[in-house]
Amino acid sequence: MKLRTMKTGQTGKIHAITVQGSLGLRLCEMGLVPGTSIKMEGRDPVKIRLHGQVLTLRNNEADHIEMNVQEEEQ
């Protein structure tokens, strides 16, 4: 699932960054690397919580981040 399609409040781990070059490097420098746990805080723009901080991404940046989303507990 792409990061941008996650629902507000959903959590998961980054599976892959699907872009290379300067944008891929920029995402990695912001701490968005495979295995990082995140929580979706809001959409449009995409707001995520990671490492205790909120990070805002452009929609086109979030489209390059593939997620493994945790199943919601009933």
Protein backbone atom coordinates (compact mmCIF):
# COMPACT_ATOMS: atom_id res chain seq x y z
CA MET A 1 0.00 0.00 0.00
CA LYS A 2 1.24 3.49 -0.77
CA LEU A 3 1.71 5.83 2.16
CA ARG A 4 -0.74 8.35 0.73
CA THR A 5 -3.59 5.80 0.74
CA MET A 6 -3.31 5.05 4.45
CA LYS A 7 -6.16 6.18 6.71
CA THR A 8 -5.67 8.74 9.45
CA GLY A 9 -4.64 6.93 12.65
CA GLN A 10 -3.30 3.87 10.82
CA THR A 11 0.19 2.63 11.63
CA GLY A 12 2.71 0.65 9.68
CA LYS A 13 6.32 0.17 8.65
CA ILE A 14 8.01 1.44 5.53
CA HIS A 15 8.54 -1.46 3.13
CA ALA A 16 10.36 0.35 0.31
CA ILE A 17 11.19 3.71 -1.21
CA THR A 18 10.42 3.40 -4.93
CA VAL A 19 12.31 6.44 -6.20
CA GLN A 20 16.02 7.03 -6.58
CA GLY A 21 18.11 10.07 -7.32
CA SER A 22 17.81 13.30 -5.39
CA LEU A 23 14.23 12.66 -4.21
CA GLY A 24 15.11 9.18 -2.92
CA LEU A 25 18.13 10.61 -1.11
CA ARG A 26 16.02 13.42 0.37
CA LEU A 27 13.43 10.96 1.71
CA CYS A 28 16.18 8.85 3.29
CA GLU A 29 17.75 11.94 4.87
CA MET A 30 14.37 12.73 6.46
CA GLY A 31 14.45 9.31 8.15
CA LEU A 32 12.10 7.57 5.72
CA VAL A 33 13.93 4.27 5.32
CA PRO A 34 12.66 0.67 5.16
CA GLY A 35 11.73 -0.67 8.58
CA THR A 36 10.77 2.72 10.05
CA SER A 37 7.46 2.72 11.93
CA ILE A 38 5.08 5.56 11.18
CA LYS A 39 1.58 6.69 12.10
CA MET A 40 -0.63 8.60 9.67
CA GLU A 41 -1.63 11.86 11.35
CA GLY A 42 -3.47 13.54 8.48
CA ARG A 43 -3.93 13.76 4.73
CA ASP A 44 -3.69 16.46 2.09
CA PRO A 45 -0.93 17.23 2.75
CA VAL A 46 0.31 13.95 4.18
CA LYS A 47 1.29 14.27 7.85
CA ILE A 48 3.04 11.36 9.53
CA ARG A 49 4.54 10.80 12.95
CA LEU A 50 7.92 9.10 13.14
CA HIS A 51 10.61 9.15 15.80
CA GLY A 52 8.36 11.35 17.97
CA GLN A 53 8.05 14.13 15.40
CA VAL A 54 5.44 15.09 12.81
CA LEU A 55 6.66 15.27 9.22
CA THR A 56 4.66 16.76 6.34
CA LEU A 57 5.14 15.42 2.81
CA ARG A 58 3.89 16.44 -0.60
CA ASN A 59 1.45 13.96 -2.14
CA ASN A 60 3.88 13.13 -4.94
CA GLU A 61 6.59 12.33 -2.36
CA ALA A 62 4.24 10.06 -0.39
CA ASP A 63 3.40 8.15 -3.58
CA HIS A 64 6.97 6.78 -3.63
CA ILE A 65 6.73 5.19 -0.17
CA GLU A 66 5.40 1.61 0.01
CA MET A 67 4.02 0.54 3.39
CA ASN A 68 3.26 -2.63 5.33
CA VAL A 69 0.20 -1.53 7.29
CA GLN A 70 -0.63 -3.08 10.65
CA GLU A 71 -4.06 -4.66 10.90
CA GLU A 72 -6.43 -2.80 13.16
CA GLU A 73 -7.31 -4.66 16.34
CA GLN A 74 -10.99 -5.40 16.90
